[in-house]
C-alpha cells in the first residue's frame, strides 16, 4: 500500500514540477535500496526473496517518475 502511495506521489510530482521531482524520487530509491540490501543479507534463497519487493518497488518508482516527466513533455503548453 505504501509503495502505491509513493508511486502516485512520484507521478504527480513529476508531472507538476519535473525537475525538482528528482530529489524525492532519488530519496525513495535510496530508502528502497537500503531495504533491499538489508533483506539481501539473509542466507541463501531467502536473501533474494526478502530483497525482491524492494527491487520491484524501486523499479516502479523509477518508471512512474519517468512516465510523469514524459507525459509533461508531451503537453502542448
Protein backbone atom coordinates (compact mmCIF):
# COMPACT_ATOMS: atom_id res chain seq x y z
CA UNK A 1 0.00 0.00 0.00
CA UNK A 2 2.84 2.36 0.83
CA UNK A 3 4.52 1.64 -2.49
CA UNK A 4 1.33 2.60 -4.34
CA UNK A 5 1.21 5.90 -2.45
CA UNK A 6 4.86 6.62 -3.23
CA UNK A 7 4.31 5.86 -6.91
CA UNK A 8 1.29 8.16 -7.03
CA UNK A 9 3.23 10.97 -5.39
CA UNK A 10 6.13 10.48 -7.83
CA UNK A 11 3.81 10.66 -10.85
CA UNK A 12 2.07 13.79 -9.58
CA UNK A 13 5.33 15.46 -8.60
CA UNK A 14 6.99 14.56 -11.88
CA UNK A 15 4.04 15.90 -13.82
CA UNK A 16 3.67 19.17 -11.91
CA UNK A 17 7.32 20.01 -11.25
CA UNK A 18 9.52 17.78 -13.41
CA UNK A 19 12.98 18.93 -12.39
CA UNK A 20 12.50 19.19 -8.58
CA UNK A 21 10.73 15.82 -8.57
CA UNK A 22 14.05 14.01 -8.99
CA UNK A 23 15.10 14.69 -5.39
CA UNK A 24 12.14 12.86 -3.76
CA UNK A 25 12.45 10.09 -6.35
CA UNK A 26 16.11 9.54 -5.52
CA UNK A 27 15.36 9.65 -1.79
CA UNK A 28 12.71 6.98 -2.22
CA UNK A 29 15.04 4.83 -4.29
CA UNK A 30 17.77 5.23 -1.68
CA UNK A 31 15.39 4.07 1.05
CA UNK A 32 14.21 1.10 -1.00
CA UNK A 33 17.82 0.25 -1.83
CA UNK A 34 18.68 0.15 1.86
CA UNK A 35 15.79 -2.24 2.45
CA UNK A 36 16.94 -4.42 -0.43
CA UNK A 37 20.48 -4.53 0.92
CA UNK A 38 19.23 -5.42 4.40
CA UNK A 39 16.95 -8.14 3.03
CA UNK A 40 19.72 -9.48 0.84
CA UNK A 41 21.84 -10.28 3.86
CA UNK A 42 19.61 -13.22 4.73
CA UNK A 43 21.24 -16.55 3.91
CA UNK A 44 20.67 -18.35 0.64
CA UNK A 45 17.48 -18.02 -1.33
CA UNK A 46 15.82 -16.11 1.50
CA UNK A 47 18.06 -13.15 0.72
CA UNK A 48 16.70 -12.93 -2.79
CA UNK A 49 13.14 -13.41 -1.60
CA UNK A 50 13.43 -10.69 1.05
CA UNK A 51 15.09 -8.17 -1.26
CA UNK A 52 12.83 -8.71 -4.28
CA UNK A 53 9.92 -6.48 -3.13
CA UNK A 54 12.33 -3.61 -2.58
CA UNK A 55 13.86 -4.00 -6.04
CA UNK A 56 10.39 -4.15 -7.58
CA UNK A 57 9.32 -1.03 -5.69
CA UNK A 58 12.43 0.85 -6.73
CA UNK A 59 11.84 -0.05 -10.36
CA UNK A 60 8.21 1.08 -10.08
CA UNK A 61 9.22 4.42 -8.55
CA UNK A 62 11.69 4.99 -11.37
CA UNK A 63 9.12 4.14 -14.03
CA UNK A 64 6.43 6.33 -12.51
CA UNK A 65 8.73 9.33 -12.24
CA UNK A 66 9.91 8.99 -15.80
CA UNK A 67 6.32 8.50 -17.01
CA UNK A 68 5.24 11.71 -15.30
CA UNK A 69 8.11 13.67 -16.81
CA UNK A 70 7.49 12.11 -20.22
CA UNK A 71 3.77 13.00 -20.14
CA UNK A 72 4.62 16.52 -19.04
CA UNK A 73 6.97 16.83 -22.00
CA UNK A 74 4.16 15.83 -24.37
CA UNK A 75 1.85 18.57 -23.14
CA UNK A 76 1.16 21.25 -25.76
CA UNK A 77 1.91 24.12 -23.36
